[in-house]
Amino acid sequence: MTGIVPVTTGEQLRHAFGCFPSGVIAVCGERDGAPVGLAASSFTSVSLEPPLVSICVQDRSTTWPWLRRGGRLGLSVLAEGHDVLCTQLASRTGDRFAGVDWVATPEGAVFVRGATVWLDCTIHAEVPAGDHDIVLMQVRGVRADPSAAPLVFHASRFRRLAAAS
């Protein structure tokens, strides 16, 4: 026997998916002079030529329609210490940018200061996929700080990376 059981609930999958550690990003843009953003843990590099990354966004997100209208979006790979910010960006209520140190480009991409990577992106394509949309984004500009440790999400908690000895 393999121990594999049939999937009968979304909670089973959430528990299983939580076994895979992931980074967390902020996807942000400026609309009418104010920052708009959300947190996502489904993020990956896709292609070097052309430079593409992907994110997954819930299809019932009320924030994504606002973000997709802009020309540019800032993807900030959040760093250790951004756990409160991540929780704010994931919240459905309140000011998601209260106390957040951010900067915007003239094109409207918004970045979180202190992040380990900034990617200035435009939407390349969107693909419906179950209860999410897969969004392919073309990278137009990059800024990276590999000395900043990333925020890691695993088993429904924020964790730290530890160097192997």
N, C-alpha and C. Protein backbone atom coordinates (compact mmCIF):
# COMPACT_ATOMS: atom_id res chain seq x y z
N MET A 1 0.84 -1.18 0.00
CA MET A 1 0.00 0.00 0.00
C MET A 1 0.88 1.24 0.00
N THR A 2 0.49 2.26 -0.74
CA THR A 2 1.29 3.46 -0.89
C THR A 2 0.99 4.53 0.15
N GLY A 3 -0.17 4.48 0.79
CA GLY A 3 -0.55 5.52 1.74
C GLY A 3 -1.21 6.72 1.07
N ILE A 4 -1.34 6.68 -0.26
CA ILE A 4 -2.00 7.76 -0.99
C ILE A 4 -3.50 7.56 -0.88
N VAL A 5 -4.21 8.64 -0.52
CA VAL A 5 -5.65 8.57 -0.38
C VAL A 5 -6.31 9.48 -1.41
N PRO A 6 -7.53 9.18 -1.82
CA PRO A 6 -8.22 10.04 -2.78
C PRO A 6 -8.44 11.44 -2.20
N VAL A 7 -8.34 12.44 -3.04
CA VAL A 7 -8.60 13.83 -2.62
C VAL A 7 -10.10 14.02 -2.56
N THR A 8 -10.59 14.38 -1.38
CA THR A 8 -12.03 14.61 -1.22
C THR A 8 -12.33 16.02 -0.76
N THR A 9 -11.31 16.76 -0.27
CA THR A 9 -11.55 18.13 0.18
C THR A 9 -10.40 19.04 -0.24
N GLY A 10 -10.71 20.31 -0.38
CA GLY A 10 -9.67 21.31 -0.64
C GLY A 10 -8.70 21.42 0.52
N GLU A 11 -9.18 21.15 1.72
CA GLU A 11 -8.33 21.22 2.91
C GLU A 11 -7.20 20.19 2.85
N GLN A 12 -7.49 19.01 2.30
CA GLN A 12 -6.44 18.00 2.12
C GLN A 12 -5.32 18.55 1.24
N LEU A 13 -5.71 19.16 0.13
CA LEU A 13 -4.71 19.73 -0.78
C LEU A 13 -3.97 20.89 -0.13
N ARG A 14 -4.67 21.76 0.57
CA ARG A 14 -4.02 22.89 1.24
C ARG A 14 -2.94 22.36 2.20
N HIS A 15 -3.27 21.31 2.94
CA HIS A 15 -2.32 20.70 3.87
C HIS A 15 -1.11 20.13 3.11
N ALA A 16 -1.37 19.43 2.02
CA ALA A 16 -0.29 18.84 1.22
C ALA A 16 0.56 19.93 0.56
N PHE A 17 -0.08 20.93 -0.04
CA PHE A 17 0.67 22.01 -0.70
C PHE A 17 1.53 22.76 0.31
N GLY A 18 1.06 22.84 1.57
CA GLY A 18 1.80 23.53 2.61
C GLY A 18 3.12 22.86 2.96
N CYS A 19 3.31 21.62 2.53
CA CYS A 19 4.57 20.91 2.77
C CYS A 19 5.69 21.42 1.87
N PHE A 20 5.34 22.18 0.84
CA PHE A 20 6.33 22.73 -0.08
C PHE A 20 6.61 24.17 0.32
N PRO A 21 7.84 24.49 0.75
CA PRO A 21 8.14 25.87 1.14
C PRO A 21 8.16 26.76 -0.09
N SER A 22 7.72 27.99 0.08
CA SER A 22 7.74 28.94 -1.02
C SER A 22 8.12 30.31 -0.51
N GLY A 23 8.60 31.12 -1.42
CA GLY A 23 8.81 32.52 -1.12
C GLY A 23 7.47 33.23 -1.20
N VAL A 24 7.46 34.47 -0.82
CA VAL A 24 6.24 35.27 -0.88
C VAL A 24 6.57 36.57 -1.60
N ILE A 25 5.68 36.97 -2.49
CA ILE A 25 5.89 38.21 -3.22
C ILE A 25 4.74 39.17 -2.97
N ALA A 26 5.04 40.44 -3.15
CA ALA A 26 4.03 41.49 -3.19
C ALA A 26 3.89 41.88 -4.65
N VAL A 27 2.66 41.90 -5.14
CA VAL A 27 2.36 42.32 -6.51
C VAL A 27 1.64 43.66 -6.37
N CYS A 28 2.29 44.74 -6.82
CA CYS A 28 1.77 46.08 -6.52
C CYS A 28 1.85 47.02 -7.71
N GLY A 29 0.88 47.92 -7.75
CA GLY A 29 0.86 48.98 -8.73
C GLY A 29 0.28 50.23 -8.11
N GLU A 30 0.45 51.33 -8.81
CA GLU A 30 -0.07 52.60 -8.33
C GLU A 30 -1.29 52.96 -9.15
N ARG A 31 -2.41 53.21 -8.48
CA ARG A 31 -3.64 53.59 -9.16
C ARG A 31 -4.19 54.84 -8.51
N ASP A 32 -4.38 55.89 -9.31
CA ASP A 32 -4.88 57.17 -8.81
C ASP A 32 -4.01 57.70 -7.68
N GLY A 33 -2.69 57.51 -7.79
CA GLY A 33 -1.74 58.04 -6.83
C GLY A 33 -1.57 57.24 -5.56
N ALA A 34 -2.28 56.12 -5.43
CA ALA A 34 -2.19 55.30 -4.22
C ALA A 34 -1.73 53.89 -4.58
N PRO A 35 -0.99 53.24 -3.68
CA PRO A 35 -0.55 51.87 -3.96
C PRO A 35 -1.70 50.88 -3.80
N VAL A 36 -1.71 49.88 -4.68
CA VAL A 36 -2.66 48.77 -4.62
C VAL A 36 -1.82 47.51 -4.70
N GLY A 37 -2.14 46.52 -3.89
CA GLY A 37 -1.31 45.32 -3.95
C GLY A 37 -1.92 44.11 -3.28
N LEU A 38 -1.29 42.98 -3.54
CA LEU A 38 -1.69 41.72 -2.93
C LEU A 38 -0.46 40.87 -2.70
N ALA A 39 -0.59 39.86 -1.86
CA ALA A 39 0.49 38.92 -1.59
C ALA A 39 0.21 37.64 -2.36
N ALA A 40 1.28 37.00 -2.84
CA ALA A 40 1.14 35.73 -3.55
C ALA A 40 2.33 34.83 -3.20
N SER A 41 2.04 33.55 -3.01
CA SER A 41 3.13 32.60 -2.77
C SER A 41 3.33 31.68 -3.96
N SER A 42 2.44 31.75 -4.95
CA SER A 42 2.60 30.97 -6.18
C SER A 42 3.31 31.84 -7.20
N PHE A 43 4.62 31.74 -7.23
CA PHE A 43 5.47 32.57 -8.08
C PHE A 43 6.62 31.71 -8.55
N THR A 44 6.96 31.83 -9.83
CA THR A 44 8.12 31.08 -10.33
C THR A 44 8.70 31.75 -11.56
N SER A 45 9.98 31.49 -11.78
CA SER A 45 10.60 31.92 -13.03
C SER A 45 10.10 30.99 -14.13
N VAL A 46 9.98 31.52 -15.34
CA VAL A 46 9.45 30.73 -16.45
C VAL A 46 10.45 30.66 -17.60
N SER A 47 10.99 31.80 -18.01
CA SER A 47 11.81 31.85 -19.22
C SER A 47 12.82 32.98 -19.12
N LEU A 48 14.02 32.73 -19.71
CA LEU A 48 15.01 33.80 -19.81
C LEU A 48 14.85 34.59 -21.10
N GLU A 49 14.37 33.92 -22.16
CA GLU A 49 14.20 34.58 -23.47
C GLU A 49 12.87 34.20 -24.07
N PRO A 50 11.85 35.02 -23.99
CA PRO A 50 11.84 36.33 -23.33
C PRO A 50 11.82 36.18 -21.81
N PRO A 51 12.18 37.22 -21.09
CA PRO A 51 12.21 37.13 -19.63
C PRO A 51 10.79 37.09 -19.05
N LEU A 52 10.37 35.91 -18.56
CA LEU A 52 9.02 35.72 -18.05
C LEU A 52 9.03 35.10 -16.66
N VAL A 53 8.08 35.53 -15.84
CA VAL A 53 7.78 34.90 -14.55
C VAL A 53 6.29 34.64 -14.52
N SER A 54 5.85 33.81 -13.57
CA SER A 54 4.41 33.59 -13.45
C SER A 54 3.99 33.75 -11.99
N ILE A 55 2.75 34.18 -11.82
CA ILE A 55 2.11 34.22 -10.52
C ILE A 55 0.73 33.58 -10.68
N CYS A 56 0.16 33.15 -9.58
CA CYS A 56 -1.20 32.64 -9.59
C CYS A 56 -2.04 33.52 -8.67
N VAL A 57 -3.20 33.94 -9.17
CA VAL A 57 -4.08 34.84 -8.45
C VAL A 57 -5.47 34.20 -8.37
N GLN A 58 -6.07 34.26 -7.18
CA GLN A 58 -7.43 33.71 -7.04
C GLN A 58 -8.37 34.39 -8.02
N ASP A 59 -9.22 33.59 -8.66
CA ASP A 59 -10.12 34.15 -9.66
C ASP A 59 -11.21 35.04 -9.06
N ARG A 60 -11.39 34.99 -7.75
CA ARG A 60 -12.38 35.87 -7.12
C ARG A 60 -11.73 37.04 -6.38
N SER A 61 -10.45 37.28 -6.65
CA SER A 61 -9.75 38.42 -6.06
C SER A 61 -10.42 39.72 -6.49
N THR A 62 -10.64 40.61 -5.55
CA THR A 62 -11.18 41.93 -5.90
C THR A 62 -10.05 42.93 -6.17
N THR A 63 -8.82 42.58 -5.81
CA THR A 63 -7.67 43.46 -6.02
C THR A 63 -7.08 43.28 -7.41
N TRP A 64 -7.03 42.03 -7.89
CA TRP A 64 -6.40 41.77 -9.18
C TRP A 64 -7.01 42.58 -10.32
N PRO A 65 -8.34 42.73 -10.42
CA PRO A 65 -8.87 43.56 -11.51
C PRO A 65 -8.33 44.99 -11.50
N TRP A 66 -8.08 45.55 -10.34
CA TRP A 66 -7.49 46.89 -10.25
C TRP A 66 -6.04 46.89 -10.72
N LEU A 67 -5.31 45.86 -10.32
CA LEU A 67 -3.89 45.79 -10.69
C LEU A 67 -3.70 45.56 -12.19
N ARG A 68 -4.51 44.71 -12.79
CA ARG A 68 -4.30 44.35 -14.20
C ARG A 68 -4.57 45.52 -15.13
N ARG A 69 -5.28 46.54 -14.66
CA ARG A 69 -5.60 47.70 -15.51
C ARG A 69 -4.39 48.59 -15.79
N GLY A 70 -3.39 48.55 -14.90
CA GLY A 70 -2.23 49.42 -15.05
C GLY A 70 -1.26 48.87 -16.06
N GLY A 71 -0.37 49.71 -16.51
CA GLY A 71 0.62 49.28 -17.48
C GLY A 71 1.75 48.47 -16.87
N ARG A 72 2.19 48.86 -15.69
CA ARG A 72 3.32 48.20 -15.05
C ARG A 72 2.93 47.72 -13.66
N LEU A 73 3.55 46.60 -13.28
CA LEU A 73 3.36 46.05 -11.94
C LEU A 73 4.72 45.77 -11.33
N GLY A 74 4.84 46.03 -10.05
CA GLY A 74 6.06 45.73 -9.32
C GLY A 74 5.90 44.43 -8.56
N LEU A 75 6.81 43.51 -8.75
CA LEU A 75 6.84 42.28 -7.97
C LEU A 75 8.02 42.40 -7.02
N SER A 76 7.74 42.38 -5.72
CA SER A 76 8.78 42.46 -4.70
C SER A 76 8.86 41.11 -4.01
N VAL A 77 10.02 40.46 -4.08
CA VAL A 77 10.22 39.21 -3.35
C VAL A 77 10.50 39.62 -1.91
N LEU A 78 9.55 39.32 -1.03
CA LEU A 78 9.63 39.80 0.34
C LEU A 78 10.78 39.15 1.10
N ALA A 79 11.34 39.90 2.04
CA ALA A 79 12.49 39.46 2.81
C ALA A 79 12.08 39.16 4.25
N GLU A 80 12.98 38.51 4.98
CA GLU A 80 12.74 38.28 6.41
C GLU A 80 12.36 39.61 7.04
N GLY A 81 11.39 39.56 7.93
CA GLY A 81 10.92 40.78 8.57
C GLY A 81 9.72 41.39 7.89
N HIS A 82 9.36 40.89 6.71
CA HIS A 82 8.18 41.38 5.99
C HIS A 82 6.93 40.56 6.31
N ASP A 83 6.95 39.74 7.35
CA ASP A 83 5.80 38.87 7.64
C ASP A 83 4.54 39.68 7.98
N VAL A 84 4.68 40.78 8.72
CA VAL A 84 3.50 41.61 9.04
C VAL A 84 2.96 42.25 7.76
N LEU A 85 3.86 42.75 6.93
CA LEU A 85 3.46 43.32 5.64
C LEU A 85 2.73 42.28 4.80
N CYS A 86 3.24 41.07 4.75
CA CYS A 86 2.61 40.02 3.97
C CYS A 86 1.18 39.77 4.46
N THR A 87 1.01 39.71 5.77
CA THR A 87 -0.32 39.51 6.35
C THR A 87 -1.24 40.68 5.99
N GLN A 88 -0.72 41.90 6.02
CA GLN A 88 -1.52 43.07 5.63
C GLN A 88 -1.96 42.97 4.17
N LEU A 89 -1.02 42.61 3.29
CA LEU A 89 -1.34 42.54 1.86
C LEU A 89 -2.32 41.42 1.56
N ALA A 90 -2.35 40.40 2.38
CA ALA A 90 -3.28 39.28 2.19
C ALA A 90 -4.65 39.57 2.80
N SER A 91 -4.75 40.62 3.60
CA SER A 91 -6.00 40.94 4.29
C SER A 91 -7.06 41.45 3.32
N ARG A 92 -8.29 41.15 3.62
CA ARG A 92 -9.40 41.64 2.79
C ARG A 92 -9.93 42.98 3.28
N THR A 93 -9.48 43.42 4.47
CA THR A 93 -9.94 44.69 5.03
C THR A 93 -8.75 45.53 5.50
N GLY A 94 -9.01 46.80 5.73
CA GLY A 94 -7.98 47.69 6.26
C GLY A 94 -7.07 48.24 5.19
N ASP A 95 -6.16 49.11 5.62
CA ASP A 95 -5.19 49.74 4.73
C ASP A 95 -4.01 48.80 4.57
N ARG A 96 -3.89 48.19 3.43
CA ARG A 96 -2.83 47.21 3.18
C ARG A 96 -1.44 47.83 3.20
N PHE A 97 -1.34 49.15 3.02
CA PHE A 97 -0.04 49.80 2.96
C PHE A 97 0.26 50.67 4.18
N ALA A 98 -0.52 50.52 5.25
CA ALA A 98 -0.27 51.28 6.48
C ALA A 98 1.12 50.94 7.02
N GLY A 99 1.97 51.95 7.16
CA GLY A 99 3.30 51.75 7.70
C GLY A 99 4.29 51.10 6.76
N VAL A 100 3.92 50.89 5.51
CA VAL A 100 4.80 50.22 4.54
C VAL A 100 5.67 51.26 3.84
N ASP A 101 6.96 50.97 3.77
CA ASP A 101 7.90 51.82 3.05
C ASP A 101 7.95 51.34 1.60
N TRP A 102 7.38 52.11 0.69
CA TRP A 102 7.29 51.70 -0.71
C TRP A 102 7.75 52.83 -1.62
N VAL A 103 8.02 52.47 -2.86
CA VAL A 103 8.45 53.43 -3.88
C VAL A 103 7.77 53.04 -5.19
N ALA A 104 7.41 54.05 -5.99
CA ALA A 104 6.77 53.79 -7.30
C ALA A 104 7.65 54.31 -8.43
N THR A 105 7.58 53.64 -9.56
CA THR A 105 8.25 54.12 -10.77
C THR A 105 7.32 55.08 -11.49
N PRO A 106 7.85 55.88 -12.41
CA PRO A 106 6.98 56.77 -13.18
C PRO A 106 5.91 56.01 -13.98
N GLU A 107 6.17 54.73 -14.31
CA GLU A 107 5.21 53.91 -15.07
C GLU A 107 4.13 53.30 -14.18
N GLY A 108 4.27 53.43 -12.86
CA GLY A 108 3.23 52.94 -11.96
C GLY A 108 3.51 51.63 -11.24
N ALA A 109 4.69 51.05 -11.41
CA ALA A 109 5.04 49.84 -10.65
C ALA A 109 5.39 50.28 -9.23
N VAL A 110 4.92 49.53 -8.24
CA VAL A 110 5.18 49.84 -6.84
C VAL A 110 6.03 48.72 -6.25
N PHE A 111 7.07 49.10 -5.51
CA PHE A 111 7.98 48.15 -4.89
C PHE A 111 8.07 48.38 -3.39
N VAL A 112 8.28 47.30 -2.65
CA VAL A 112 8.45 47.35 -1.20
C VAL A 112 9.94 47.49 -0.90
N ARG A 113 10.29 48.51 -0.15
CA ARG A 113 11.69 48.69 0.23
C ARG A 113 12.13 47.55 1.15
N GLY A 114 13.36 47.12 0.99
CA GLY A 114 13.90 46.04 1.80
C GLY A 114 13.68 44.66 1.22
N ALA A 115 12.96 44.58 0.10
CA ALA A 115 12.73 43.28 -0.55
C ALA A 115 14.04 42.76 -1.14
N THR A 116 14.12 41.46 -1.31
CA THR A 116 15.35 40.87 -1.85
C THR A 116 15.45 41.02 -3.37
N VAL A 117 14.31 41.10 -4.05
CA VAL A 117 14.29 41.31 -5.51
C VAL A 117 13.12 42.22 -5.86
N TRP A 118 13.35 43.10 -6.82
CA TRP A 118 12.28 43.88 -7.45
C TRP A 118 12.26 43.49 -8.93
N LEU A 119 11.07 43.18 -9.44
CA LEU A 119 10.89 42.91 -10.86
C LEU A 119 9.83 43.88 -11.39
N ASP A 120 10.21 44.68 -12.38
CA ASP A 120 9.29 45.62 -13.03
C ASP A 120 8.69 44.86 -14.21
N CYS A 121 7.36 44.64 -14.18
CA CYS A 121 6.73 43.72 -15.13
C CYS A 121 5.53 44.31 -15.86
N THR A 122 5.24 43.72 -17.01
CA THR A 122 3.98 43.94 -17.72
C THR A 122 3.32 42.57 -17.90
N ILE A 123 2.01 42.57 -18.04
CA ILE A 123 1.29 41.31 -18.23
C ILE A 123 1.53 40.81 -19.65
N HIS A 124 1.95 39.57 -19.76
CA HIS A 124 2.20 38.92 -21.05
C HIS A 124 0.99 38.08 -21.48
N ALA A 125 0.38 37.34 -20.53
CA ALA A 125 -0.79 36.50 -20.81
C ALA A 125 -1.44 36.07 -19.51
N GLU A 126 -2.72 35.75 -19.58
CA GLU A 126 -3.45 35.20 -18.44
C GLU A 126 -4.15 33.92 -18.88
N VAL A 127 -4.08 32.91 -18.03
CA VAL A 127 -4.68 31.62 -18.34
C VAL A 127 -5.58 31.19 -17.18
N PRO A 128 -6.90 31.02 -17.41
CA PRO A 128 -7.75 30.50 -16.34
C PRO A 128 -7.32 29.08 -15.97
N ALA A 129 -7.26 28.80 -14.66
CA ALA A 129 -6.82 27.48 -14.20
C ALA A 129 -7.54 27.16 -12.90
N GLY A 130 -8.68 26.50 -12.99
CA GLY A 130 -9.44 26.16 -11.79
C GLY A 130 -9.92 27.41 -11.08
N ASP A 131 -9.63 27.49 -9.77
CA ASP A 131 -10.08 28.65 -9.00
C ASP A 131 -9.04 29.77 -8.96
N HIS A 132 -8.03 29.69 -9.82
CA HIS A 132 -7.01 30.72 -9.95
C HIS A 132 -6.80 31.08 -11.42
N ASP A 133 -6.11 32.17 -11.64
CA ASP A 133 -5.64 32.54 -12.96
C ASP A 133 -4.12 32.52 -12.91
N ILE A 134 -3.51 31.90 -13.92
CA ILE A 134 -2.05 31.92 -14.05
C ILE A 134 -1.72 33.15 -14.88
N VAL A 135 -0.90 34.03 -14.33
CA VAL A 135 -0.54 35.26 -15.02
C VAL A 135 0.94 35.19 -15.38
N LEU A 136 1.22 35.22 -16.68
CA LEU A 136 2.59 35.30 -17.16
C LEU A 136 2.95 36.77 -17.28
N MET A 137 4.09 37.13 -16.73
CA MET A 137 4.51 38.52 -16.73
C MET A 137 5.88 38.65 -17.37
N GLN A 138 6.03 39.65 -18.23
CA GLN A 138 7.31 39.91 -18.85
C GLN A 138 8.10 40.87 -17.97
N VAL A 139 9.33 40.49 -17.68
CA VAL A 139 10.19 41.30 -16.83
C VAL A 139 10.86 42.38 -17.67
N ARG A 140 10.63 43.64 -17.29
CA ARG A 140 11.19 44.79 -18.01
C ARG A 140 12.41 45.36 -17.32
N GLY A 141 12.50 45.15 -16.00
CA GLY A 141 13.63 45.65 -15.23
C GLY A 141 13.79 44.83 -13.96
N VAL A 142 14.99 44.82 -13.40
CA VAL A 142 15.26 44.01 -12.22
C VAL A 142 16.24 44.72 -11.30
N ARG A 143 16.06 44.49 -10.02
CA ARG A 143 17.01 44.91 -8.99
C ARG A 143 17.06 43.78 -7.98
N ALA A 144 18.26 43.28 -7.66
CA ALA A 144 18.38 42.14 -6.77
C ALA A 144 19.39 42.40 -5.66
N ASP A 145 19.07 41.91 -4.48
CA ASP A 145 19.97 41.99 -3.32
C ASP A 145 20.06 40.60 -2.70
N PRO A 146 20.97 39.74 -3.21
CA PRO A 146 21.06 38.38 -2.71
C PRO A 146 21.50 38.28 -1.25
N SER A 147 21.98 39.39 -0.67
CA SER A 147 22.37 39.35 0.74
C SER A 147 21.14 39.41 1.67
N ALA A 148 19.99 39.83 1.14
CA ALA A 148 18.76 39.89 1.94
C ALA A 148 18.10 38.51 1.94
N ALA A 149 17.88 37.96 3.12
CA ALA A 149 17.26 36.63 3.23
C ALA A 149 15.77 36.73 2.89
N PRO A 150 15.25 35.78 2.11
CA PRO A 150 13.84 35.85 1.71
C PRO A 150 12.89 35.42 2.84
N LEU A 151 11.67 35.91 2.76
CA LEU A 151 10.60 35.44 3.62
C LEU A 151 10.14 34.09 3.06
N VAL A 152 10.05 33.08 3.91
CA VAL A 152 9.67 31.74 3.48
C VAL A 152 8.36 31.35 4.15
N PHE A 153 7.45 30.77 3.37
CA PHE A 153 6.16 30.32 3.88
C PHE A 153 6.12 28.80 3.76
N HIS A 154 5.89 28.13 4.89
CA HIS A 154 5.87 26.67 4.92
C HIS A 154 4.94 26.21 6.03
N ALA A 155 4.06 25.25 5.73
CA ALA A 155 3.12 24.68 6.71
C ALA A 155 2.33 25.78 7.40
N SER A 156 1.86 26.75 6.60
CA SER A 156 1.00 27.85 7.07
C SER A 156 1.68 28.78 8.07
N ARG A 157 3.02 28.84 8.04
CA ARG A 157 3.75 29.76 8.90
C ARG A 157 4.92 30.36 8.14
N PHE A 158 5.38 31.51 8.63
CA PHE A 158 6.58 32.10 8.10
C PHE A 158 7.78 31.46 8.78
N ARG A 159 8.83 31.20 7.99
CA ARG A 159 10.03 30.55 8.50
C ARG A 159 11.26 31.27 7.99
N ARG A 160 12.40 30.89 8.52
CA ARG A 160 13.68 31.44 8.10
C ARG A 160 14.50 30.35 7.44
N LEU A 161 15.31 30.75 6.48
CA LEU A 161 16.26 29.82 5.88
C LEU A 161 17.45 29.67 6.83
N ALA A 162 17.99 28.51 6.87
CA ALA A 162 19.21 28.28 7.64
C ALA A 162 20.26 27.73 6.71
N ALA A 163 21.46 28.25 6.81
CA ALA A 163 22.56 27.78 5.97
C ALA A 163 22.94 26.36 6.36
N ALA A 164 23.20 25.54 5.36
CA ALA A 164 23.66 24.17 5.63
C ALA A 164 25.09 24.25 6.15
N SER A 165 25.40 23.40 7.11
CA SER A 165 26.74 23.44 7.69
C SER A 165 27.70 22.56 6.92
